[in-house]
Amino acid sequence: MYNQSMTVGVLSFQGDFAEHMDVLASMEVQAMEVRSLGDLKKVDALIIPGGESTVMAKFLEEEKMSREIAARVKQGMPILGTCAGAILLARKVMGKNSPKTLGLIDITVERNAYGTQHESFEALIKLKGKNIPVSFIRAPKITSTGKNVEVLARFRGVPVLVRQGNVIAATFHTEVQNATALHKLLHQLRHIL
C-alpha cells in the first residue's frame, strides 16, 4: 500500500517519538529514528514530534540540524510537525522565552494556549469528511495563517491542521491514539509534490 522505498525519519531525542515510530510500524512504512545530521541525510520525509519545543530547538542547533532540515524542505522533503513540532515549524511564536523556529510554514502560534498538562483534553476533528480522535496536550494555538497556508482542519473555529506546500503542522496529537491520519497525509505528500 505504501512506497517502501520511502524512509520516514522521526526526530528522536525527546518527546513522543516512540508513538510515531509505532504508528509508522503499524502502517508498514520504513522508518528510522533521527538523532544526528547523518541520520537526517538518510530519510525522505521527517516528523518532528510533540515534546518540549525549547529543548528540541536547542538540540537542533547544537547538532547543526536546523539548516539541513530547512535546505531539505526547500528541496521538497515532506515534513510533519505535531504540537511542539508545529511550534518549531512556525514562522513566528508568541510568548516569552519562545524557541528559535525553523520558519518553514507561514503561521503564528501561541504556546500552551489550551492550558497546562492537567487541562489537556481529547476531541474529534474532521479531516476529509472523517472524524479523527486527537489529543490537545499543552497544545499551541495557531493565531494567524499566511495567504499560502491551507487550513485542513479546525477545532472550535480555530485552525489546528495546516499545510503549506510540503510542510504540515498540527497543534494536536494523533499518535497517542495510534491513529494514522497524519502519517498518511505525510506519505501522500511525497506523491503529489
N, C-alpha and C. Protein backbone atom coordinates (compact mmCIF):
# COMPACT_ATOMS: atom_id res chain seq x y z
N MET A 1 0.82 -1.21 0.00
CA MET A 1 0.00 0.00 0.00
C MET A 1 0.86 1.27 0.00
N TYR A 2 1.97 1.24 0.74
CA TYR A 2 2.82 2.42 0.84
C TYR A 2 4.13 2.18 0.13
N ASN A 3 4.73 3.27 -0.32
CA ASN A 3 6.00 3.20 -1.03
C ASN A 3 7.10 2.78 -0.08
N GLN A 4 7.56 1.55 -0.20
CA GLN A 4 8.55 1.02 0.73
C GLN A 4 9.94 1.62 0.50
N SER A 5 10.15 2.29 -0.64
CA SER A 5 11.45 2.90 -0.87
C SER A 5 11.58 4.24 -0.13
N MET A 6 10.48 4.73 0.40
CA MET A 6 10.49 5.97 1.16
C MET A 6 10.77 5.67 2.63
N THR A 7 11.76 6.36 3.19
CA THR A 7 12.07 6.21 4.61
C THR A 7 11.64 7.46 5.35
N VAL A 8 10.79 7.29 6.35
CA VAL A 8 10.32 8.42 7.16
C VAL A 8 11.16 8.47 8.43
N GLY A 9 11.74 9.62 8.68
CA GLY A 9 12.51 9.81 9.90
C GLY A 9 11.67 10.48 10.97
N VAL A 10 11.92 10.11 12.21
CA VAL A 10 11.25 10.75 13.34
C VAL A 10 12.33 11.32 14.25
N LEU A 11 12.32 12.63 14.47
CA LEU A 11 13.28 13.26 15.37
C LEU A 11 13.11 12.60 16.74
N SER A 12 14.18 11.97 17.25
CA SER A 12 14.01 11.01 18.35
C SER A 12 14.97 11.20 19.51
N PHE A 13 14.98 12.38 20.08
CA PHE A 13 15.81 12.54 21.27
C PHE A 13 14.99 13.00 22.46
N GLN A 14 13.76 13.44 22.22
CA GLN A 14 12.91 13.94 23.29
C GLN A 14 11.48 13.98 22.78
N GLY A 15 10.51 13.81 23.65
CA GLY A 15 9.11 13.88 23.24
C GLY A 15 8.54 12.51 22.91
N ASP A 16 7.44 12.50 22.17
CA ASP A 16 6.71 11.24 21.94
C ASP A 16 7.07 10.58 20.61
N PHE A 17 8.36 10.52 20.34
CA PHE A 17 8.82 9.91 19.09
C PHE A 17 8.49 8.43 19.01
N ALA A 18 8.50 7.71 20.13
CA ALA A 18 8.23 6.26 20.11
C ALA A 18 6.82 5.98 19.60
N GLU A 19 5.86 6.83 19.95
CA GLU A 19 4.49 6.65 19.49
C GLU A 19 4.39 6.83 17.98
N HIS A 20 5.13 7.80 17.44
CA HIS A 20 5.15 7.98 15.98
C HIS A 20 5.78 6.77 15.31
N MET A 21 6.85 6.26 15.88
CA MET A 21 7.50 5.07 15.31
C MET A 21 6.54 3.88 15.31
N ASP A 22 5.75 3.75 16.39
CA ASP A 22 4.77 2.65 16.47
C ASP A 22 3.70 2.78 15.38
N VAL A 23 3.21 3.99 15.15
CA VAL A 23 2.19 4.20 14.11
C VAL A 23 2.77 3.85 12.75
N LEU A 24 3.97 4.32 12.47
CA LEU A 24 4.60 4.02 11.17
C LEU A 24 4.81 2.52 11.00
N ALA A 25 5.20 1.84 12.07
CA ALA A 25 5.38 0.38 12.01
C ALA A 25 4.05 -0.30 11.71
N SER A 26 2.96 0.18 12.33
CA SER A 26 1.63 -0.42 12.10
C SER A 26 1.19 -0.23 10.65
N MET A 27 1.71 0.81 10.00
CA MET A 27 1.38 1.08 8.61
C MET A 27 2.36 0.39 7.65
N GLU A 28 3.34 -0.28 8.23
CA GLU A 28 4.39 -0.95 7.45
C GLU A 28 5.18 0.02 6.59
N VAL A 29 5.40 1.23 7.14
CA VAL A 29 6.22 2.24 6.48
C VAL A 29 7.64 2.11 7.03
N GLN A 30 8.60 2.15 6.13
CA GLN A 30 10.00 2.11 6.57
C GLN A 30 10.30 3.39 7.32
N ALA A 31 10.80 3.26 8.55
CA ALA A 31 11.03 4.44 9.39
C ALA A 31 12.32 4.27 10.17
N MET A 32 12.89 5.40 10.57
CA MET A 32 14.08 5.34 11.42
C MET A 32 14.09 6.54 12.36
N GLU A 33 14.70 6.33 13.51
CA GLU A 33 14.87 7.41 14.47
C GLU A 33 16.00 8.32 13.99
N VAL A 34 15.78 9.63 14.11
CA VAL A 34 16.77 10.62 13.67
C VAL A 34 17.31 11.32 14.91
N ARG A 35 18.63 11.14 15.13
CA ARG A 35 19.29 11.77 16.28
C ARG A 35 20.53 12.56 15.88
N SER A 36 20.85 12.55 14.59
CA SER A 36 22.07 13.23 14.15
C SER A 36 21.90 13.71 12.72
N LEU A 37 22.83 14.55 12.29
CA LEU A 37 22.84 15.04 10.93
C LEU A 37 22.98 13.88 9.95
N GLY A 38 23.79 12.90 10.30
CA GLY A 38 23.95 11.72 9.46
C GLY A 38 22.65 10.96 9.28
N ASP A 39 21.88 10.81 10.38
CA ASP A 39 20.58 10.15 10.29
C ASP A 39 19.64 10.93 9.37
N LEU A 40 19.64 12.24 9.53
CA LEU A 40 18.75 13.11 8.75
C LEU A 40 18.99 12.94 7.25
N LYS A 41 20.22 12.75 6.87
CA LYS A 41 20.56 12.63 5.45
C LYS A 41 20.06 11.32 4.84
N LYS A 42 19.65 10.37 5.67
CA LYS A 42 19.19 9.05 5.19
C LYS A 42 17.68 8.97 4.98
N VAL A 43 16.93 10.03 5.34
CA VAL A 43 15.47 9.95 5.29
C VAL A 43 14.90 10.77 4.14
N ASP A 44 13.69 10.38 3.71
CA ASP A 44 13.00 11.05 2.62
C ASP A 44 11.89 11.98 3.11
N ALA A 45 11.50 11.83 4.36
CA ALA A 45 10.47 12.67 4.99
C ALA A 45 10.81 12.71 6.47
N LEU A 46 10.31 13.72 7.18
CA LEU A 46 10.65 13.88 8.59
C LEU A 46 9.42 14.24 9.41
N ILE A 47 9.35 13.68 10.61
CA ILE A 47 8.32 14.04 11.59
C ILE A 47 9.03 14.65 12.79
N ILE A 48 8.58 15.83 13.20
CA ILE A 48 9.05 16.44 14.45
C ILE A 48 7.91 16.25 15.44
N PRO A 49 8.11 15.43 16.46
CA PRO A 49 7.01 15.08 17.37
C PRO A 49 6.73 16.15 18.42
N GLY A 50 5.71 15.87 19.22
CA GLY A 50 5.44 16.70 20.37
C GLY A 50 6.52 16.48 21.41
N GLY A 51 6.66 17.43 22.28
CA GLY A 51 7.69 17.38 23.33
C GLY A 51 7.85 18.78 23.89
N GLU A 52 9.06 19.13 24.26
CA GLU A 52 9.35 20.47 24.78
C GLU A 52 10.06 21.26 23.68
N SER A 53 9.37 22.23 23.11
CA SER A 53 9.88 22.94 21.94
C SER A 53 11.22 23.64 22.18
N THR A 54 11.41 24.21 23.38
CA THR A 54 12.65 24.92 23.66
C THR A 54 13.83 23.95 23.69
N VAL A 55 13.64 22.81 24.31
CA VAL A 55 14.69 21.78 24.39
C VAL A 55 14.99 21.25 22.99
N MET A 56 13.95 21.01 22.21
CA MET A 56 14.12 20.49 20.86
C MET A 56 14.85 21.49 19.97
N ALA A 57 14.49 22.76 20.07
CA ALA A 57 15.14 23.80 19.27
C ALA A 57 16.63 23.88 19.60
N LYS A 58 16.95 23.78 20.88
CA LYS A 58 18.35 23.83 21.31
C LYS A 58 19.12 22.63 20.75
N PHE A 59 18.51 21.45 20.78
CA PHE A 59 19.14 20.25 20.25
C PHE A 59 19.41 20.40 18.75
N LEU A 60 18.42 20.90 18.01
CA LEU A 60 18.59 21.07 16.56
C LEU A 60 19.75 22.00 16.25
N GLU A 61 19.89 23.06 17.04
CA GLU A 61 21.00 23.99 16.83
C GLU A 61 22.34 23.34 17.19
N GLU A 62 22.39 22.66 18.34
CA GLU A 62 23.63 22.03 18.78
C GLU A 62 24.11 20.97 17.80
N GLU A 63 23.17 20.23 17.24
CA GLU A 63 23.53 19.16 16.29
C GLU A 63 23.64 19.67 14.86
N LYS A 64 23.50 20.99 14.69
CA LYS A 64 23.60 21.63 13.37
C LYS A 64 22.60 21.03 12.37
N MET A 65 21.41 20.72 12.86
CA MET A 65 20.39 20.11 12.01
C MET A 65 19.41 21.14 11.44
N SER A 66 19.27 22.29 12.07
CA SER A 66 18.27 23.29 11.63
C SER A 66 18.47 23.67 10.17
N ARG A 67 19.68 24.02 9.82
CA ARG A 67 19.97 24.46 8.45
C ARG A 67 19.73 23.34 7.45
N GLU A 68 20.12 22.12 7.82
CA GLU A 68 19.94 20.98 6.92
C GLU A 68 18.46 20.66 6.71
N ILE A 69 17.68 20.74 7.79
CA ILE A 69 16.22 20.50 7.66
C ILE A 69 15.62 21.53 6.72
N ALA A 70 15.96 22.81 6.93
CA ALA A 70 15.42 23.88 6.08
C ALA A 70 15.80 23.65 4.62
N ALA A 71 17.05 23.27 4.37
CA ALA A 71 17.51 23.04 2.99
C ALA A 71 16.78 21.86 2.37
N ARG A 72 16.61 20.78 3.12
CA ARG A 72 15.93 19.59 2.59
C ARG A 72 14.46 19.90 2.28
N VAL A 73 13.81 20.66 3.16
CA VAL A 73 12.40 21.02 2.93
C VAL A 73 12.28 21.88 1.68
N LYS A 74 13.22 22.82 1.49
CA LYS A 74 13.20 23.65 0.28
C LYS A 74 13.40 22.80 -0.97
N GLN A 75 14.09 21.68 -0.84
CA GLN A 75 14.31 20.77 -1.97
C GLN A 75 13.12 19.82 -2.17
N GLY A 76 12.11 19.90 -1.29
CA GLY A 76 10.90 19.11 -1.48
C GLY A 76 10.64 18.01 -0.46
N MET A 77 11.50 17.86 0.54
CA MET A 77 11.26 16.82 1.54
C MET A 77 10.00 17.14 2.34
N PRO A 78 9.02 16.22 2.41
CA PRO A 78 7.84 16.43 3.24
C PRO A 78 8.22 16.42 4.72
N ILE A 79 7.56 17.27 5.49
CA ILE A 79 7.81 17.34 6.92
C ILE A 79 6.49 17.55 7.65
N LEU A 80 6.35 16.89 8.78
CA LEU A 80 5.16 17.00 9.64
C LEU A 80 5.62 17.37 11.03
N GLY A 81 5.01 18.38 11.61
CA GLY A 81 5.27 18.75 13.00
C GLY A 81 3.99 18.65 13.79
N THR A 82 4.03 17.90 14.90
CA THR A 82 2.86 17.80 15.77
C THR A 82 3.16 18.50 17.09
N CYS A 83 2.24 19.33 17.53
CA CYS A 83 2.32 20.05 18.80
C CYS A 83 3.62 20.86 18.87
N ALA A 84 4.60 20.43 19.65
CA ALA A 84 5.88 21.16 19.71
C ALA A 84 6.52 21.23 18.33
N GLY A 85 6.32 20.18 17.54
CA GLY A 85 6.85 20.18 16.17
C GLY A 85 6.24 21.29 15.34
N ALA A 86 4.95 21.57 15.54
CA ALA A 86 4.28 22.67 14.84
C ALA A 86 4.88 24.01 15.26
N ILE A 87 5.20 24.13 16.54
CA ILE A 87 5.84 25.35 17.04
C ILE A 87 7.17 25.56 16.32
N LEU A 88 7.96 24.50 16.21
CA LEU A 88 9.28 24.61 15.59
C LEU A 88 9.19 24.90 14.09
N LEU A 89 8.11 24.50 13.44
CA LEU A 89 7.95 24.78 12.01
C LEU A 89 7.44 26.19 11.75
N ALA A 90 6.81 26.81 12.73
CA ALA A 90 6.14 28.11 12.55
C ALA A 90 7.10 29.24 12.19
N ARG A 91 6.53 30.22 11.50
CA ARG A 91 7.31 31.43 11.19
C ARG A 91 7.51 32.27 12.45
N LYS A 92 6.48 32.31 13.31
CA LYS A 92 6.55 33.16 14.50
C LYS A 92 5.86 32.48 15.68
N VAL A 93 6.45 32.65 16.87
CA VAL A 93 5.87 32.11 18.10
C VAL A 93 5.66 33.26 19.07
N MET A 94 4.46 33.34 19.63
CA MET A 94 4.14 34.38 20.60
C MET A 94 4.48 33.89 22.00
N GLY A 95 4.89 34.80 22.85
CA GLY A 95 5.14 34.46 24.24
C GLY A 95 6.60 34.62 24.63
N LYS A 96 6.81 34.66 25.94
CA LYS A 96 8.16 34.82 26.48
C LYS A 96 8.96 33.54 26.27
N ASN A 97 10.27 33.72 26.18
CA ASN A 97 11.20 32.58 26.05
C ASN A 97 10.82 31.63 24.92
N SER A 98 10.33 32.19 23.84
CA SER A 98 9.95 31.36 22.70
C SER A 98 11.20 30.81 22.02
N PRO A 99 11.13 29.57 21.55
CA PRO A 99 12.30 28.96 20.92
C PRO A 99 12.57 29.54 19.54
N LYS A 100 13.81 29.39 19.09
CA LYS A 100 14.14 29.75 17.72
C LYS A 100 13.50 28.69 16.82
N THR A 101 12.72 29.14 15.84
CA THR A 101 12.00 28.19 14.99
C THR A 101 12.70 28.01 13.65
N LEU A 102 12.22 27.03 12.90
CA LEU A 102 12.74 26.77 11.56
C LEU A 102 12.10 27.71 10.53
N GLY A 103 10.93 28.27 10.86
CA GLY A 103 10.26 29.23 9.99
C GLY A 103 9.86 28.67 8.64
N LEU A 104 9.38 27.42 8.62
CA LEU A 104 9.10 26.74 7.35
C LEU A 104 7.64 26.82 6.91
N ILE A 105 6.76 27.33 7.77
CA ILE A 105 5.36 27.50 7.39
C ILE A 105 4.88 28.85 7.93
N ASP A 106 4.14 29.56 7.11
CA ASP A 106 3.75 30.93 7.43
C ASP A 106 2.56 30.97 8.40
N ILE A 107 2.84 30.57 9.63
CA ILE A 107 1.83 30.65 10.69
C ILE A 107 2.45 31.29 11.92
N THR A 108 1.59 31.87 12.74
CA THR A 108 1.97 32.36 14.05
C THR A 108 1.27 31.48 15.07
N VAL A 109 2.01 31.02 16.08
CA VAL A 109 1.42 30.17 17.11
C VAL A 109 1.65 30.77 18.48
N GLU A 110 0.74 30.41 19.38
CA GLU A 110 0.85 30.78 20.79
C GLU A 110 1.06 29.49 21.56
N ARG A 111 2.16 29.40 22.28
CA ARG A 111 2.49 28.18 23.02
C ARG A 111 1.52 27.97 24.19
N ASN A 112 1.25 26.68 24.48
CA ASN A 112 0.43 26.28 25.63
C ASN A 112 -0.90 27.03 25.71
N ALA A 113 -1.47 27.37 24.58
CA ALA A 113 -2.67 28.22 24.54
C ALA A 113 -3.92 27.53 25.10
N TYR A 114 -3.92 26.20 25.11
CA TYR A 114 -5.09 25.48 25.63
C TYR A 114 -4.94 25.14 27.11
N GLY A 115 -3.84 25.57 27.72
CA GLY A 115 -3.67 25.35 29.15
C GLY A 115 -2.53 24.40 29.49
N THR A 116 -2.50 24.02 30.76
CA THR A 116 -1.43 23.19 31.30
C THR A 116 -1.65 21.71 30.96
N GLN A 117 -0.72 20.90 31.41
CA GLN A 117 -0.81 19.43 31.22
C GLN A 117 -2.14 18.91 31.79
N HIS A 118 -2.52 19.43 32.97
CA HIS A 118 -3.76 18.99 33.63
C HIS A 118 -5.01 19.39 32.86
N GLU A 119 -4.89 20.40 32.00
CA GLU A 119 -6.04 20.86 31.22
C GLU A 119 -6.07 20.24 29.82
N SER A 120 -5.22 19.27 29.58
CA SER A 120 -5.20 18.56 28.30
C SER A 120 -6.52 17.83 28.10
N PHE A 121 -6.90 17.65 26.82
CA PHE A 121 -8.18 17.01 26.55
C PHE A 121 -8.14 16.30 25.20
N GLU A 122 -9.13 15.43 25.00
CA GLU A 122 -9.28 14.73 23.74
C GLU A 122 -10.50 15.28 23.01
N ALA A 123 -10.48 15.20 21.69
CA ALA A 123 -11.58 15.71 20.89
C ALA A 123 -11.61 14.96 19.56
N LEU A 124 -12.64 15.23 18.78
CA LEU A 124 -12.72 14.72 17.41
C LEU A 124 -12.62 15.91 16.48
N ILE A 125 -11.81 15.78 15.44
CA ILE A 125 -11.79 16.81 14.40
C ILE A 125 -12.14 16.13 13.08
N LYS A 126 -12.61 16.93 12.15
CA LYS A 126 -13.00 16.40 10.85
C LYS A 126 -11.89 16.67 9.85
N LEU A 127 -11.42 15.59 9.20
CA LEU A 127 -10.41 15.70 8.16
C LEU A 127 -10.88 14.89 6.96
N LYS A 128 -11.02 15.56 5.82
CA LYS A 128 -11.50 14.91 4.60
C LYS A 128 -12.81 14.15 4.85
N GLY A 129 -13.71 14.78 5.62
CA GLY A 129 -15.02 14.20 5.87
C GLY A 129 -15.07 13.12 6.93
N LYS A 130 -13.93 12.78 7.52
CA LYS A 130 -13.89 11.73 8.55
C LYS A 130 -13.51 12.33 9.90
N ASN A 131 -14.11 11.79 10.95
CA ASN A 131 -13.75 12.20 12.30
C ASN A 131 -12.49 11.47 12.74
N ILE A 132 -11.53 12.23 13.27
CA ILE A 132 -10.32 11.60 13.79
C ILE A 132 -10.17 11.97 15.26
N PRO A 133 -9.83 10.98 16.10
CA PRO A 133 -9.59 11.28 17.52
C PRO A 133 -8.22 11.95 17.68
N VAL A 134 -8.21 13.04 18.42
CA VAL A 134 -6.96 13.78 18.66
C VAL A 134 -6.85 14.15 20.13
N SER A 135 -5.63 14.46 20.53
CA SER A 135 -5.37 14.92 21.90
C SER A 135 -4.69 16.28 21.84
N PHE A 136 -5.16 17.20 22.66
CA PHE A 136 -4.53 18.51 22.82
C PHE A 136 -3.81 18.47 24.17
N ILE A 137 -2.49 18.37 24.13
CA ILE A 137 -1.67 18.23 25.33
C ILE A 137 -0.73 19.42 25.41
N ARG A 138 -1.02 20.37 26.30
CA ARG A 138 -0.26 21.62 26.36
C ARG A 138 -0.09 22.20 24.96
N ALA A 139 -1.16 22.17 24.22
CA ALA A 139 -1.11 22.44 22.78
C ALA A 139 -0.97 23.93 22.46
N PRO A 140 -0.26 24.20 21.35
CA PRO A 140 -0.23 25.57 20.85
C PRO A 140 -1.50 25.88 20.08
N LYS A 141 -1.74 27.16 19.86
CA LYS A 141 -2.89 27.59 19.06
C LYS A 141 -2.35 28.39 17.88
N ILE A 142 -2.87 28.12 16.69
CA ILE A 142 -2.50 28.90 15.51
C ILE A 142 -3.32 30.17 15.53
N THR A 143 -2.64 31.31 15.65
CA THR A 143 -3.35 32.59 15.77
C THR A 143 -3.45 33.33 14.44
N SER A 144 -2.59 32.98 13.49
CA SER A 144 -2.72 33.56 12.15
C SER A 144 -2.05 32.65 11.13
N THR A 145 -2.56 32.72 9.90
CA THR A 145 -2.01 31.93 8.80
C THR A 145 -1.75 32.85 7.62
N GLY A 146 -0.67 32.58 6.90
CA GLY A 146 -0.35 33.35 5.71
C GLY A 146 -1.27 32.97 4.55
N LYS A 147 -1.23 33.76 3.49
CA LYS A 147 -2.15 33.56 2.36
C LYS A 147 -1.90 32.25 1.62
N ASN A 148 -0.71 31.68 1.71
CA ASN A 148 -0.40 30.43 1.01
C ASN A 148 -0.58 29.19 1.89
N VAL A 149 -1.13 29.39 3.08
CA VAL A 149 -1.33 28.28 4.01
C VAL A 149 -2.76 27.76 3.87
N GLU A 150 -2.88 26.46 3.65
CA GLU A 150 -4.18 25.81 3.51
C GLU A 150 -4.59 25.25 4.88
N VAL A 151 -5.78 25.62 5.34
CA VAL A 151 -6.31 25.08 6.59
C VAL A 151 -7.01 23.76 6.27
N LEU A 152 -6.51 22.66 6.82
CA LEU A 152 -7.06 21.34 6.55
C LEU A 152 -8.10 20.92 7.59
N ALA A 153 -7.99 21.47 8.80
CA ALA A 153 -8.95 21.13 9.86
C ALA A 153 -8.98 22.26 10.89
N ARG A 154 -10.16 22.39 11.50
CA ARG A 154 -10.36 23.39 12.56
C ARG A 154 -10.96 22.71 13.78
N PHE A 155 -10.76 23.33 14.93
CA PHE A 155 -11.41 22.91 16.16
C PHE A 155 -11.96 24.17 16.81
N ARG A 156 -13.27 24.19 17.05
CA ARG A 156 -13.94 25.38 17.60
C ARG A 156 -13.60 26.63 16.79
N GLY A 157 -13.53 26.46 15.46
CA GLY A 157 -13.29 27.58 14.57
C GLY A 157 -11.83 27.98 14.37
N VAL A 158 -10.94 27.38 15.14
CA VAL A 158 -9.52 27.73 15.08
C VAL A 158 -8.76 26.70 14.25
N PRO A 159 -7.88 27.15 13.34
CA PRO A 159 -7.09 26.19 12.57
C PRO A 159 -6.23 25.32 13.50
N VAL A 160 -6.27 24.00 13.27
CA VAL A 160 -5.46 23.08 14.08
C VAL A 160 -4.59 22.18 13.22
N LEU A 161 -4.87 22.16 11.92
CA LEU A 161 -4.07 21.37 10.98
C LEU A 161 -3.93 22.19 9.71
N VAL A 162 -2.69 22.52 9.36
CA VAL A 162 -2.44 23.40 8.22
C VAL A 162 -1.32 22.82 7.35
N ARG A 163 -1.33 23.27 6.10
CA ARG A 163 -0.31 22.81 5.15
C ARG A 163 0.12 23.96 4.26
N GLN A 164 1.40 24.03 4.01
CA GLN A 164 1.95 24.96 3.03
C GLN A 164 2.97 24.18 2.22
N GLY A 165 2.60 23.82 0.99
CA GLY A 165 3.49 23.00 0.17
C GLY A 165 3.74 21.65 0.81
N ASN A 166 4.99 21.36 1.09
CA ASN A 166 5.36 20.07 1.66
C ASN A 166 5.51 20.11 3.18
N VAL A 167 4.96 21.14 3.82
CA VAL A 167 5.05 21.30 5.27
C VAL A 167 3.65 21.19 5.88
N ILE A 168 3.51 20.27 6.84
CA ILE A 168 2.24 20.09 7.55
C ILE A 168 2.48 20.36 9.03
N ALA A 169 1.61 21.15 9.63
CA ALA A 169 1.70 21.43 11.06
C ALA A 169 0.36 21.12 11.72
N ALA A 170 0.41 20.36 12.81
CA ALA A 170 -0.77 20.00 13.59
C ALA A 170 -0.54 20.41 15.04
N THR A 171 -1.51 21.07 15.62
CA THR A 171 -1.35 21.51 17.01
C THR A 171 -1.76 20.44 18.01
N PHE A 172 -2.16 19.29 17.50
CA PHE A 172 -2.64 18.20 18.34
C PHE A 172 -1.80 16.95 18.10
N HIS A 173 -2.14 15.90 18.82
CA HIS A 173 -1.51 14.59 18.66
C HIS A 173 -2.55 13.59 18.17
N THR A 174 -2.15 12.73 17.22
CA THR A 174 -2.97 11.57 16.85
C THR A 174 -2.25 10.29 17.23
N GLU A 175 -0.94 10.37 17.32
CA GLU A 175 -0.13 9.17 17.55
C GLU A 175 -0.39 8.52 18.91
N VAL A 176 -0.86 9.30 19.89
CA VAL A 176 -1.13 8.72 21.21
C VAL A 176 -2.36 7.81 21.18
N GLN A 177 -3.22 7.98 20.17
CA GLN A 177 -4.35 7.07 19.97
C GLN A 177 -4.05 6.04 18.88
N ASN A 178 -2.81 6.04 18.41
CA ASN A 178 -2.39 5.14 17.33
C ASN A 178 -3.20 5.39 16.05
N ALA A 179 -3.66 6.63 15.85
CA ALA A 179 -4.40 6.99 14.64
C ALA A 179 -3.41 7.34 13.54
N THR A 180 -3.72 6.98 12.31
CA THR A 180 -2.77 7.08 11.21
C THR A 180 -3.02 8.26 10.26
N ALA A 181 -4.03 9.06 10.49
CA ALA A 181 -4.44 10.08 9.51
C ALA A 181 -3.31 11.03 9.13
N LEU A 182 -2.57 11.55 10.10
CA LEU A 182 -1.50 12.50 9.78
C LEU A 182 -0.35 11.83 9.06
N HIS A 183 -0.05 10.61 9.43
CA HIS A 183 1.06 9.88 8.81
C HIS A 183 0.72 9.55 7.35
N LYS A 184 -0.55 9.25 7.09
CA LYS A 184 -0.99 9.01 5.72
C LYS A 184 -0.88 10.29 4.90
N LEU A 185 -1.25 11.41 5.52
CA LEU A 185 -1.16 12.70 4.84
C LEU A 185 0.28 13.02 4.46
N LEU A 186 1.20 12.78 5.37
CA LEU A 186 2.63 12.99 5.10
C LEU A 186 3.09 12.10 3.96
N HIS A 187 2.69 10.87 3.99
CA HIS A 187 3.10 9.91 2.97
C HIS A 187 2.55 10.31 1.60
N GLN A 188 1.30 10.80 1.57
CA GLN A 188 0.69 11.22 0.31
C GLN A 188 1.40 12.42 -0.29
N LEU A 189 1.95 13.30 0.55
CA LEU A 189 2.65 14.47 0.05
C LEU A 189 3.80 14.08 -0.85
N ARG A 190 4.45 13.00 -0.53
CA ARG A 190 5.60 12.55 -1.32
C ARG A 190 5.21 12.27 -2.77
N HIS A 191 3.95 11.90 -2.96
CA HIS A 191 3.50 11.50 -4.29
C HIS A 191 2.81 12.63 -5.07
N ILE A 192 2.43 13.72 -4.38
CA ILE A 192 1.72 14.78 -5.09
C ILE A 192 2.58 16.00 -5.34
N LEU A 193 3.76 16.04 -4.75
CA LEU A 193 4.62 17.23 -4.93
C LEU A 193 5.46 17.12 -6.19
